Amino acid sequence: IFACSGTASSTLIIELAGYAGTNTFGVYDANNANNYVQLFDGAANATPLSSTISLEISLFGDVYVGGVDSGINFAGNNFGFYLDSTAAPGTNDGFWYSDTTLNSDGTDHMAAYQGAGTDLISVGGRAYGTWTANEYILAWEDLNCAIGCDRDYTDFVVIVESVENAPEPLTLSLLALGLIGVGAARRRQV
């Protein structure tokens, strides 16, 4: 279970799954797992700028995605992550939570790795930077292990960075526009 009273950004690193076109990823309310907000859909891909999204949960539980109010309210500031492969063809699918006790097959579908401030990391072709303690790589298995899964945890991989005491949504929107401008300037230089 994670807690947030600021902003967290999520960047899709890679998705190596037969269900890549239908898998969705997001966050759920730790107090009500049926209350969730999608961050990435099956059309998302691991290319710079198109695969990073910000998430903010206000002190009142209001959930903002990309600086826009989702209309969803979490009962508190505690949340978890999910991977939804229920739209996949066939029967080897499921809705998988970061909390193993909520998974219908009783299997842990997410492996989490936390930075320690000692390694360098580059995501999405961006410059190398220190992998800090407030950054996590979340690696997912999208198949139902009660039926048969490979437990490779490469089906959906995302890096999540938390930023505490983040600005309000309007300021976040302005910040996002500034980052898009920086990205566009980088593309022109290449």
Protein backbone atom coordinates (compact mmCIF):
# COMPACT_ATOMS: atom_id res chain seq x y z
CA ILE A 1 0.00 0.00 0.00
CA PHE A 2 1.33 3.41 -0.95
CA ALA A 3 0.41 6.80 0.48
CA CYS A 4 0.29 10.09 -1.38
CA SER A 5 -0.57 13.61 -0.41
CA GLY A 6 1.37 15.09 -3.28
CA THR A 7 2.07 14.02 -6.82
CA ALA A 8 3.50 10.83 -8.26
CA SER A 9 4.50 10.39 -11.87
CA SER A 10 4.36 7.05 -13.68
CA THR A 11 6.37 6.23 -16.80
CA LEU A 12 5.74 3.09 -18.81
CA ILE A 13 9.09 1.37 -19.41
CA ILE A 14 8.09 -1.69 -21.45
CA GLU A 15 5.17 -4.03 -22.07
CA LEU A 16 6.05 -7.50 -23.38
CA ALA A 17 2.69 -9.24 -23.36
CA GLY A 18 0.30 -10.88 -25.75
CA TYR A 19 -2.36 -8.76 -24.04
CA ALA A 20 -0.46 -5.48 -24.45
CA GLY A 21 -3.21 -3.98 -26.59
CA THR A 22 -5.88 -4.54 -23.95
CA ASN A 23 -4.08 -4.38 -20.58
CA THR A 24 -4.80 -1.29 -18.47
CA PHE A 25 -2.89 0.03 -15.45
CA GLY A 26 -3.84 2.36 -12.65
CA VAL A 27 -4.40 2.93 -8.96
CA TYR A 28 -7.08 1.73 -6.58
CA ASP A 29 -8.34 2.97 -3.23
CA ALA A 30 -6.79 0.86 -0.43
CA ASN A 31 -10.02 1.27 1.53
CA ASN A 32 -12.24 0.13 -1.39
CA ALA A 33 -10.51 -1.92 -4.09
CA ASN A 34 -13.52 -1.47 -6.41
CA ASN A 35 -12.79 2.26 -6.52
CA TYR A 36 -10.01 2.78 -9.07
CA VAL A 37 -8.58 5.20 -11.64
CA GLN A 38 -6.87 4.18 -14.90
CA LEU A 39 -3.48 5.71 -15.72
CA PHE A 40 -2.49 3.81 -18.91
CA ASP A 41 -4.64 1.98 -21.45
CA GLY A 42 -3.73 -0.65 -24.02
CA ALA A 43 -2.72 2.03 -26.52
CA ALA A 44 0.07 3.30 -24.24
CA ASN A 45 3.61 2.58 -25.32
CA ALA A 46 7.11 3.05 -24.00
CA THR A 47 8.12 6.10 -26.02
CA PRO A 48 9.26 9.34 -24.35
CA LEU A 49 6.60 11.93 -23.51
CA SER A 50 3.66 9.79 -24.65
CA SER A 51 3.96 7.38 -21.74
CA THR A 52 4.35 9.54 -18.62
CA ILE A 53 1.39 10.58 -16.51
CA SER A 54 1.10 12.42 -13.21
CA LEU A 55 -1.14 11.33 -10.37
CA GLU A 56 -2.17 13.49 -7.45
CA ILE A 57 -4.31 12.51 -4.50
CA SER A 58 -5.31 15.57 -2.51
CA LEU A 59 -5.55 15.66 1.26
CA PHE A 60 -9.31 15.23 0.77
CA GLY A 61 -8.88 12.11 -1.41
CA ASP A 62 -9.61 13.78 -4.76
CA VAL A 63 -7.72 11.97 -7.53
CA TYR A 64 -6.17 14.03 -10.36
CA VAL A 65 -4.61 12.40 -13.44
CA GLY A 66 -2.47 14.62 -15.64
CA GLY A 67 -3.66 17.63 -13.63
CA VAL A 68 -7.33 16.87 -14.40
CA ASP A 69 -9.84 15.89 -11.70
CA SER A 70 -10.85 12.26 -12.39
CA GLY A 71 -14.12 12.71 -10.51
CA ILE A 72 -13.07 9.80 -8.28
CA ASN A 73 -12.45 10.24 -4.58
CA PHE A 74 -10.41 7.81 -2.50
CA ALA A 75 -11.49 7.43 1.14
CA GLY A 76 -7.96 8.32 2.24
CA ASN A 77 -4.54 8.88 0.80
CA ASN A 78 -3.62 5.17 0.76
CA PHE A 79 -3.69 3.44 -2.60
CA GLY A 80 -2.33 0.47 -4.49
CA PHE A 81 -1.64 -0.29 -8.14
CA TYR A 82 -3.51 -2.64 -10.46
CA LEU A 83 -3.06 -4.30 -13.84
CA ASP A 84 -6.29 -5.23 -15.61
CA SER A 85 -6.10 -7.94 -18.26
CA THR A 86 -9.81 -8.83 -18.17
CA ALA A 87 -10.37 -7.51 -21.72
CA ALA A 88 -7.88 -10.03 -23.08
CA PRO A 89 -9.21 -12.76 -25.36
CA GLY A 90 -9.51 -16.23 -23.84
CA THR A 91 -9.85 -17.24 -20.23
CA ASN A 92 -6.34 -16.66 -18.83
CA ASP A 93 -6.99 -13.11 -17.69
CA GLY A 94 -7.70 -11.18 -14.51
CA PHE A 95 -7.71 -7.99 -12.51
CA TRP A 96 -4.46 -8.02 -10.53
CA TYR A 97 -3.72 -5.89 -7.48
CA SER A 98 -0.43 -4.91 -5.85
CA ASP A 99 -1.98 -6.38 -2.67
CA THR A 100 -1.73 -10.16 -3.18
CA THR A 101 -4.65 -10.87 -0.82
CA LEU A 102 -7.01 -9.25 -3.34
CA ASN A 103 -5.92 -11.44 -6.29
CA SER A 104 -8.38 -14.21 -7.21
CA ASP A 105 -5.58 -16.73 -7.82
CA GLY A 106 -3.74 -15.90 -4.56
CA THR A 107 -0.57 -15.05 -6.48
CA ASP A 108 1.59 -11.95 -6.21
CA HIS A 109 1.32 -10.39 -9.66
CA MET A 110 3.64 -7.43 -8.98
CA ALA A 111 7.32 -7.30 -8.12
CA ALA A 112 8.48 -3.92 -6.77
CA TYR A 113 12.04 -2.63 -6.77
CA GLN A 114 13.03 0.53 -4.90
CA GLY A 115 15.96 2.73 -5.84
CA ALA A 116 18.70 3.18 -3.26
CA GLY A 117 20.41 6.33 -4.55
CA THR A 118 23.43 4.33 -5.73
CA ASP A 119 22.51 3.27 -9.28
CA LEU A 120 22.07 5.22 -12.49
CA ILE A 121 18.96 4.65 -14.57
CA SER A 122 17.68 5.89 -17.94
CA VAL A 123 14.00 5.57 -18.82
CA GLY A 124 12.46 6.20 -22.23
CA GLY A 125 15.65 7.47 -23.85
CA ARG A 126 16.05 10.24 -21.30
CA ALA A 127 19.41 11.18 -19.78
CA TYR A 128 20.81 8.96 -17.03
CA GLY A 129 20.00 9.97 -13.49
CA THR A 130 20.33 8.52 -10.00
CA TRP A 131 17.65 5.94 -9.13
CA THR A 132 16.48 7.48 -5.87
CA ALA A 133 14.67 5.98 -2.87
CA ASN A 134 11.41 7.66 -3.92
CA GLU A 135 11.39 5.81 -7.28
CA TYR A 136 10.00 2.31 -7.73
CA ILE A 137 10.02 -0.07 -10.66
CA LEU A 138 6.82 -2.14 -10.70
CA ALA A 139 6.97 -5.29 -12.83
CA TRP A 140 3.79 -7.29 -13.51
CA GLU A 141 2.61 -10.77 -14.49
CA ASP A 142 -0.67 -10.50 -16.44
CA LEU A 143 -1.73 -14.16 -16.66
CA ASN A 144 -3.94 -16.07 -14.21
CA CYS A 145 -1.58 -18.38 -12.29
CA ALA A 146 -4.44 -20.68 -11.27
CA ILE A 147 -4.72 -21.58 -14.97
CA GLY A 148 -1.07 -21.19 -15.94
CA CYS A 149 1.36 -18.29 -15.98
CA ASP A 150 5.05 -17.92 -16.71
CA ARG A 151 5.85 -15.61 -13.72
CA ASP A 152 8.26 -13.62 -15.87
CA TYR A 153 7.09 -10.22 -14.51
CA THR A 154 7.86 -8.53 -17.83
CA ASP A 155 4.29 -8.19 -19.06
CA PHE A 156 4.01 -4.59 -17.89
CA VAL A 157 6.89 -2.61 -16.35
CA VAL A 158 6.51 0.95 -15.08
CA ILE A 159 8.61 3.30 -12.97
CA VAL A 160 6.77 5.35 -10.37
CA GLU A 161 8.28 8.45 -8.84
CA SER A 162 6.68 10.16 -5.89
CA VAL A 163 7.03 13.86 -5.24
CA GLU A 164 5.90 15.12 -1.86
CA ASN A 165 4.30 18.51 -1.23
CA ALA A 166 3.51 18.97 -4.88
CA PRO A 167 1.66 22.01 -6.24
CA GLU A 168 -2.08 22.15 -6.81
CA PRO A 169 -3.56 20.82 -10.12
CA LEU A 170 -3.49 24.19 -11.92
CA THR A 171 0.21 24.56 -11.18
CA LEU A 172 0.73 20.95 -12.25
CA SER A 173 -0.90 21.69 -15.59
CA LEU A 174 1.48 24.58 -16.14
CA LEU A 175 4.40 22.37 -15.12
CA ALA A 176 3.26 19.68 -17.58
CA LEU A 177 3.07 22.23 -20.39
CA GLY A 178 6.60 23.33 -19.54
CA LEU A 179 7.83 19.72 -19.66
CA ILE A 180 6.17 19.17 -23.02
CA GLY A 181 7.93 22.30 -24.27
CA VAL A 182 11.27 20.96 -23.03
CA GLY A 183 10.56 17.64 -24.78
CA ALA A 184 9.70 19.40 -28.03
CA ALA A 185 12.91 21.44 -27.81
CA ARG A 186 14.89 18.23 -27.30
CA ARG A 187 13.30 16.66 -30.36
CA ARG A 188 14.27 19.68 -32.48
CA GLN A 189 17.90 19.33 -31.38
CA VAL A 190 18.12 15.71 -32.52
